[in-house]
Amino acid sequence: MECELLETCGFFKKYEGSLDLACRGFIKSYCNGDKMDLCARKIHRAEHGQPPHDDMMPSGQDMPKSYQS
C-alpha cells in the first residue's frame, strides 16, 4: 500500500531519506500504511487545491526547525 500522491508530496521528497525515527515513523504510517487517509497533507490538498508547505508533517504539525534543512 502506497499513497498515490508520493511523487508530488513535498514532505515525502524532502524527508524520505531521513534517518530520524520520527520521520521514518510518519512515512511508514501515513505514506505507506493504514493512516494514509488520515494524512493532514492529503486533506489540505483536497480542501485547498494545492499542497501545503514541505515542512508540514502528515499529522498536520510543522516539522521542528531543528530538523528542517
PDB file of N, CA and C in Angstrom:
ATOM      1  N   MET A   1       0.857  -1.178   0.000  1.00  0.00           N
ATOM      2  CA  MET A   1       0.000   0.000   0.000  1.00  0.00           C
ATOM      3  C   MET A   1       0.899   1.235   0.000  1.00  0.00           C
ATOM      4  N   GLU A   2       0.606   2.136  -0.914  1.00  0.00           N
ATOM      5  CA  GLU A   2       1.417   3.348  -1.033  1.00  0.00           C
ATOM      6  C   GLU A   2       0.520   4.503  -1.454  1.00  0.00           C
ATOM      7  N   CYS A   3       0.717   5.651  -0.869  1.00  0.00           N
ATOM      8  CA  CYS A   3      -0.078   6.833  -1.198  1.00  0.00           C
ATOM      9  C   CYS A   3       0.112   7.205  -2.666  1.00  0.00           C
ATOM     10  N   GLU A   4      -0.975   7.548  -3.301  1.00  0.00           N
ATOM     11  CA  GLU A   4      -0.933   7.924  -4.717  1.00  0.00           C
ATOM     12  C   GLU A   4      -0.295   9.297  -4.949  1.00  0.00           C
ATOM     13  N   LEU A   5      -0.067  10.047  -3.882  1.00  0.00           N
ATOM     14  CA  LEU A   5       0.499  11.391  -4.016  1.00  0.00           C
ATOM     15  C   LEU A   5       1.996  11.457  -3.721  1.00  0.00           C
ATOM     16  N   LEU A   6       2.631  10.312  -3.473  1.00  0.00           N
ATOM     17  CA  LEU A   6       4.045  10.311  -3.084  1.00  0.00           C
ATOM     18  C   LEU A   6       4.946  11.048  -4.068  1.00  0.00           C
ATOM     19  N   GLU A   7       4.711  10.886  -5.343  1.00  0.00           N
ATOM     20  CA  GLU A   7       5.582  11.501  -6.346  1.00  0.00           C
ATOM     21  C   GLU A   7       5.550  13.022  -6.307  1.00  0.00           C
ATOM     22  N   THR A   8       4.472  13.588  -5.788  1.00  0.00           N
ATOM     23  CA  THR A   8       4.347  15.048  -5.741  1.00  0.00           C
ATOM     24  C   THR A   8       4.324  15.596  -4.315  1.00  0.00           C
ATOM     25  N   CYS A   9       4.509  14.739  -3.330  1.00  0.00           N
ATOM     26  CA  CYS A   9       4.451  15.168  -1.929  1.00  0.00           C
ATOM     27  C   CYS A   9       5.780  15.780  -1.497  1.00  0.00           C
ATOM     28  N   GLY A  10       5.756  17.063  -1.151  1.00  0.00           N
ATOM     29  CA  GLY A  10       6.958  17.767  -0.728  1.00  0.00           C
ATOM     30  C   GLY A  10       7.563  17.191   0.544  1.00  0.00           C
ATOM     31  N   PHE A  11       6.734  16.784   1.495  1.00  0.00           N
ATOM     32  CA  PHE A  11       7.239  16.194   2.738  1.00  0.00           C
ATOM     33  C   PHE A  11       7.982  14.896   2.443  1.00  0.00           C
ATOM     34  N   PHE A  12       7.365  14.032   1.653  1.00  0.00           N
ATOM     35  CA  PHE A  12       7.986  12.750   1.339  1.00  0.00           C
ATOM     36  C   PHE A  12       9.299  12.953   0.592  1.00  0.00           C
ATOM     37  N   LYS A  13       9.285  13.813  -0.404  1.00  0.00           N
ATOM     38  CA  LYS A  13      10.502  14.056  -1.187  1.00  0.00           C
ATOM     39  C   LYS A  13      11.630  14.593  -0.309  1.00  0.00           C
ATOM     40  N   LYS A  14      11.285  15.481   0.611  1.00  0.00           N
ATOM     41  CA  LYS A  14      12.298  16.134   1.443  1.00  0.00           C
ATOM     42  C   LYS A  14      12.828  15.219   2.548  1.00  0.00           C
ATOM     43  N   TYR A  15      11.957  14.386   3.109  1.00  0.00           N
ATOM     44  CA  TYR A  15      12.334  13.621   4.301  1.00  0.00           C
ATOM     45  C   TYR A  15      12.408  12.103   4.102  1.00  0.00           C
ATOM     46  N   GLU A  16      12.179  11.602   2.893  1.00  0.00           N
ATOM     47  CA  GLU A  16      12.171  10.153   2.703  1.00  0.00           C
ATOM     48  C   GLU A  16      13.508   9.496   3.053  1.00  0.00           C
ATOM     49  N   GLY A  17      14.611  10.216   2.902  1.00  0.00           N
ATOM     50  CA  GLY A  17      15.922   9.659   3.209  1.00  0.00           C
ATOM     51  C   GLY A  17      16.389   9.928   4.631  1.00  0.00           C
ATOM     52  N   SER A  18      15.532  10.551   5.418  1.00  0.00           N
ATOM     53  CA  SER A  18      15.905  10.894   6.793  1.00  0.00           C
ATOM     54  C   SER A  18      16.130   9.652   7.638  1.00  0.00           C
ATOM     55  N   LEU A  19      17.119   9.733   8.496  1.00  0.00           N
ATOM     56  CA  LEU A  19      17.382   8.647   9.430  1.00  0.00           C
ATOM     57  C   LEU A  19      16.639   8.852  10.749  1.00  0.00           C
ATOM     58  N   ASP A  20      15.981  10.003  10.893  1.00  0.00           N
ATOM     59  CA  ASP A  20      15.246  10.311  12.114  1.00  0.00           C
ATOM     60  C   ASP A  20      14.080   9.331  12.288  1.00  0.00           C
ATOM     61  N   LEU A  21      13.984   8.748  13.460  1.00  0.00           N
ATOM     62  CA  LEU A  21      12.945   7.743  13.703  1.00  0.00           C
ATOM     63  C   LEU A  21      11.535   8.303  13.572  1.00  0.00           C
ATOM     64  N   ALA A  22      11.333   9.549  13.976  1.00  0.00           N
ATOM     65  CA  ALA A  22      10.003  10.144  13.859  1.00  0.00           C
ATOM     66  C   ALA A  22       9.600  10.285  12.393  1.00  0.00           C
ATOM     67  N   CYS A  23      10.509  10.770  11.560  1.00  0.00           N
ATOM     68  CA  CYS A  23      10.225  10.905  10.122  1.00  0.00           C
ATOM     69  C   CYS A  23       9.916   9.547   9.516  1.00  0.00           C
ATOM     70  N   ARG A  24      10.724   8.581   9.856  1.00  0.00           N
ATOM     71  CA  ARG A  24      10.520   7.235   9.307  1.00  0.00           C
ATOM     72  C   ARG A  24       9.181   6.656   9.765  1.00  0.00           C
ATOM     73  N   GLY A  25       8.802   6.975  10.990  1.00  0.00           N
ATOM     74  CA  GLY A  25       7.515   6.511  11.509  1.00  0.00           C
ATOM     75  C   GLY A  25       6.340   7.137  10.781  1.00  0.00           C
ATOM     76  N   PHE A  26       6.425   8.443  10.540  1.00  0.00           N
ATOM     77  CA  PHE A  26       5.358   9.119   9.793  1.00  0.00           C
ATOM     78  C   PHE A  26       5.236   8.524   8.392  1.00  0.00           C
ATOM     79  N   ILE A  27       6.352   8.323   7.729  1.00  0.00           N
ATOM     80  CA  ILE A  27       6.329   7.782   6.367  1.00  0.00           C
ATOM     81  C   ILE A  27       5.761   6.366   6.364  1.00  0.00           C
ATOM     82  N   LYS A  28       6.163   5.569   7.333  1.00  0.00           N
ATOM     83  CA  LYS A  28       5.649   4.193   7.409  1.00  0.00           C
ATOM     84  C   LYS A  28       4.144   4.173   7.681  1.00  0.00           C
ATOM     85  N   SER A  29       3.676   5.031   8.578  1.00  0.00           N
ATOM     86  CA  SER A  29       2.265   5.025   8.967  1.00  0.00           C
ATOM     87  C   SER A  29       1.351   5.737   7.974  1.00  0.00           C
ATOM     88  N   TYR A  30       1.789   6.894   7.504  1.00  0.00           N
ATOM     89  CA  TYR A  30       0.925   7.713   6.654  1.00  0.00           C
ATOM     90  C   TYR A  30       1.168   7.504   5.160  1.00  0.00           C
ATOM     91  N   CYS A  31       2.415   7.415   4.736  1.00  0.00           N
ATOM     92  CA  CYS A  31       2.721   7.336   3.300  1.00  0.00           C
ATOM     93  C   CYS A  31       2.603   5.910   2.776  1.00  0.00           C
ATOM     94  N   ASN A  32       2.884   4.952   3.636  1.00  0.00           N
ATOM     95  CA  ASN A  32       2.868   3.546   3.225  1.00  0.00           C
ATOM     96  C   ASN A  32       2.046   2.671   4.166  1.00  0.00           C
ATOM     97  N   GLY A  33       1.147   3.268   4.915  1.00  0.00           N
ATOM     98  CA  GLY A  33       0.452   2.475   5.925  1.00  0.00           C
ATOM     99  C   GLY A  33      -1.027   2.760   6.061  1.00  0.00           C
ATOM    100  N   ASP A  34      -1.571   2.316   7.173  1.00  0.00           N
ATOM    101  CA  ASP A  34      -3.014   2.357   7.384  1.00  0.00           C
ATOM    102  C   ASP A  34      -3.566   3.728   7.756  1.00  0.00           C
ATOM    103  N   LYS A  35      -2.712   4.718   7.992  1.00  0.00           N
ATOM    104  CA  LYS A  35      -3.189   6.070   8.307  1.00  0.00           C
ATOM    105  C   LYS A  35      -3.213   6.969   7.074  1.00  0.00           C
ATOM    106  N   MET A  36      -3.035   6.373   5.908  1.00  0.00           N
ATOM    107  CA  MET A  36      -2.930   7.123   4.661  1.00  0.00           C
ATOM    108  C   MET A  36      -4.090   8.110   4.460  1.00  0.00           C
ATOM    109  N   ASP A  37      -5.294   7.684   4.732  1.00  0.00           N
ATOM    110  CA  ASP A  37      -6.455   8.550   4.512  1.00  0.00           C
ATOM    111  C   ASP A  37      -6.637   9.583   5.607  1.00  0.00           C
ATOM    112  N   LEU A  38      -5.830   9.505   6.660  1.00  0.00           N
ATOM    113  CA  LEU A  38      -5.879  10.486   7.748  1.00  0.00           C
ATOM    114  C   LEU A  38      -4.789  11.548   7.599  1.00  0.00           C
ATOM    115  N   CYS A  39      -4.016  11.475   6.539  1.00  0.00           N
ATOM    116  CA  CYS A  39      -2.905  12.396   6.326  1.00  0.00           C
ATOM    117  C   CYS A  39      -3.411  13.832   6.166  1.00  0.00           C
ATOM    118  N   ALA A  40      -2.955  14.713   7.049  1.00  0.00           N
ATOM    119  CA  ALA A  40      -3.368  16.115   7.012  1.00  0.00           C
ATOM    120  C   ALA A  40      -2.891  16.806   5.732  1.00  0.00           C
ATOM    121  N   ARG A  41      -1.793  16.362   5.177  1.00  0.00           N
ATOM    122  CA  ARG A  41      -1.296  16.933   3.914  1.00  0.00           C
ATOM    123  C   ARG A  41      -2.264  16.610   2.771  1.00  0.00           C
ATOM    124  N   LYS A  42      -2.735  15.379   2.761  1.00  0.00           N
ATOM    125  CA  LYS A  42      -3.682  14.939   1.735  1.00  0.00           C
ATOM    126  C   LYS A  42      -5.007  15.690   1.879  1.00  0.00           C
ATOM    127  N   ILE A  43      -5.465  15.840   3.113  1.00  0.00           N
ATOM    128  CA  ILE A  43      -6.710  16.561   3.391  1.00  0.00           C
ATOM    129  C   ILE A  43      -6.573  18.024   2.986  1.00  0.00           C
ATOM    130  N   HIS A  44      -5.447  18.637   3.307  1.00  0.00           N
ATOM    131  CA  HIS A  44      -5.193  20.036   2.948  1.00  0.00           C
ATOM    132  C   HIS A  44      -5.253  20.205   1.432  1.00  0.00           C
ATOM    133  N   ARG A  45      -4.615  19.304   0.708  1.00  0.00           N
ATOM    134  CA  ARG A  45      -4.596  19.380  -0.758  1.00  0.00           C
ATOM    135  C   ARG A  45      -6.011  19.284  -1.319  1.00  0.00           C
ATOM    136  N   ALA A  46      -6.821  18.390  -0.766  1.00  0.00           N
ATOM    137  CA  ALA A  46      -8.195  18.223  -1.236  1.00  0.00           C
ATOM    138  C   ALA A  46      -9.046  19.467  -0.948  1.00  0.00           C
ATOM    139  N   GLU A  47      -8.820  20.082   0.204  1.00  0.00           N
ATOM    140  CA  GLU A  47      -9.618  21.248   0.596  1.00  0.00           C
ATOM    141  C   GLU A  47      -9.183  22.534  -0.089  1.00  0.00           C
ATOM    142  N   HIS A  48      -7.888  22.679  -0.369  1.00  0.00           N
ATOM    143  CA  HIS A  48      -7.357  23.938  -0.888  1.00  0.00           C
ATOM    144  C   HIS A  48      -6.907  23.876  -2.341  1.00  0.00           C
ATOM    145  N   GLY A  49      -6.880  22.685  -2.915  1.00  0.00           N
ATOM    146  CA  GLY A  49      -6.491  22.539  -4.306  1.00  0.00           C
ATOM    147  C   GLY A  49      -4.998  22.642  -4.569  1.00  0.00           C
ATOM    148  N   GLN A  50      -4.224  22.707  -3.517  1.00  0.00           N
ATOM    149  CA  GLN A  50      -2.769  22.768  -3.652  1.00  0.00           C
ATOM    150  C   GLN A  50      -2.131  22.165  -2.411  1.00  0.00           C
ATOM    151  N   PRO A  51      -0.913  21.677  -2.560  1.00  0.00           N
ATOM    152  CA  PRO A  51      -0.265  21.039  -1.413  1.00  0.00           C
ATOM    153  C   PRO A  51       0.180  22.064  -0.366  1.00  0.00           C
ATOM    154  N   PRO A  52       0.293  21.635   0.886  1.00  0.00           N
ATOM    155  CA  PRO A  52       0.829  22.517   1.917  1.00  0.00           C
ATOM    156  C   PRO A  52       2.347  22.643   1.770  1.00  0.00           C
ATOM    157  N   HIS A  53       2.963  23.460   2.601  1.00  0.00           N
ATOM    158  CA  HIS A  53       4.416  23.625   2.546  1.00  0.00           C
ATOM    159  C   HIS A  53       5.094  22.302   2.903  1.00  0.00           C
ATOM    160  N   ASP A  54       6.304  22.129   2.423  1.00  0.00           N
ATOM    161  CA  ASP A  54       7.021  20.853   2.547  1.00  0.00           C
ATOM    162  C   ASP A  54       7.266  20.416   3.981  1.00  0.00           C
ATOM    163  N   ASP A  55       7.315  21.342   4.921  1.00  0.00           N
ATOM    164  CA  ASP A  55       7.636  21.002   6.306  1.00  0.00           C
ATOM    165  C   ASP A  55       6.414  20.718   7.170  1.00  0.00           C
ATOM    166  N   MET A  56       5.234  20.659   6.551  1.00  0.00           N
ATOM    167  CA  MET A  56       4.043  20.228   7.283  1.00  0.00           C
ATOM    168  C   MET A  56       4.047  18.706   7.305  1.00  0.00           C
ATOM    169  N   MET A  57       4.011  18.139   8.510  1.00  0.00           N
ATOM    170  CA  MET A  57       4.032  16.689   8.663  1.00  0.00           C
ATOM    171  C   MET A  57       2.646  16.106   8.369  1.00  0.00           C
ATOM    172  N   PRO A  58       2.557  14.819   8.116  1.00  0.00           N
ATOM    173  CA  PRO A  58       1.258  14.189   7.874  1.00  0.00           C
ATOM    174  C   PRO A  58       0.279  14.343   9.035  1.00  0.00           C
ATOM    175  N   SER A  59       0.789  14.625  10.222  1.00  0.00           N
ATOM    176  CA  SER A  59      -0.066  14.836  11.394  1.00  0.00           C
ATOM    177  C   SER A  59      -0.700  16.223  11.389  1.00  0.00           C
ATOM    178  N   GLY A  60      -0.175  17.113  10.536  1.00  0.00           N
ATOM    179  CA  GLY A  60      -0.682  18.480  10.470  1.00  0.00           C
ATOM    180  C   GLY A  60       0.209  19.479  11.187  1.00  0.00           C
ATOM    181  N   GLN A  61       1.120  19.007  11.996  1.00  0.00           N
ATOM    182  CA  GLN A  61       2.051  19.890  12.698  1.00  0.00           C
ATOM    183  C   GLN A  61       3.234  20.215  11.794  1.00  0.00           C
ATOM    184  N   ASP A  62       3.909  21.300  12.113  1.00  0.00           N
ATOM    185  CA  ASP A  62       5.122  21.657  11.372  1.00  0.00           C
ATOM    186  C   ASP A  62       6.313  20.879  11.910  1.00  0.00           C
ATOM    187  N   MET A  63       7.178  20.488  11.012  1.00  0.00           N
ATOM    188  CA  MET A  63       8.425  19.815  11.386  1.00  0.00           C
ATOM    189  C   MET A  63       9.215  20.789  12.260  1.00  0.00           C
ATOM    190  N   PRO A  64       9.765  20.326  13.382  1.00  0.00           N
ATOM    191  CA  PRO A  64      10.574  21.215  14.218  1.00  0.00           C
ATOM    192  C   PRO A  64      11.717  21.844  13.410  1.00  0.00           C
ATOM    193  N   LYS A  65      11.995  23.098  13.698  1.00  0.00           N
ATOM    194  CA  LYS A  65      13.029  23.836  12.946  1.00  0.00           C
ATOM    195  C   LYS A  65      14.370  23.117  12.922  1.00  0.00           C
ATOM    196  N   SER A  66      14.689  22.413  13.997  1.00  0.00           N
ATOM    197  CA  SER A  66      15.989  21.733  14.073  1.00  0.00           C
ATOM    198  C   SER A  66      16.115  20.589  13.060  1.00  0.00           C
ATOM    199  N   TYR A  67      14.996  20.115  12.528  1.00  0.00           N
ATOM    200  CA  TYR A  67      15.016  19.029  11.532  1.00  0.00           C
ATOM    201  C   TYR A  67      14.942  19.563  10.105  1.00  0.00           C
ATOM    202  N   GLN A  68      14.488  20.797   9.958  1.00  0.00           N
ATOM    203  CA  GLN A  68      14.317  21.353   8.617  1.00  0.00           C
ATOM    204  C   GLN A  68      15.673  21.666   7.997  1.00  0.00           C
ATOM    205  N   SER A  69      15.767  21.419   6.708  1.00  0.00           N
ATOM    206  CA  SER A  69      17.029  21.710   6.032  1.00  0.00           C
ATOM    207  C   SER A  69      16.945  22.991   5.237  1.00  0.00           C
TER     208      SER A  69
END
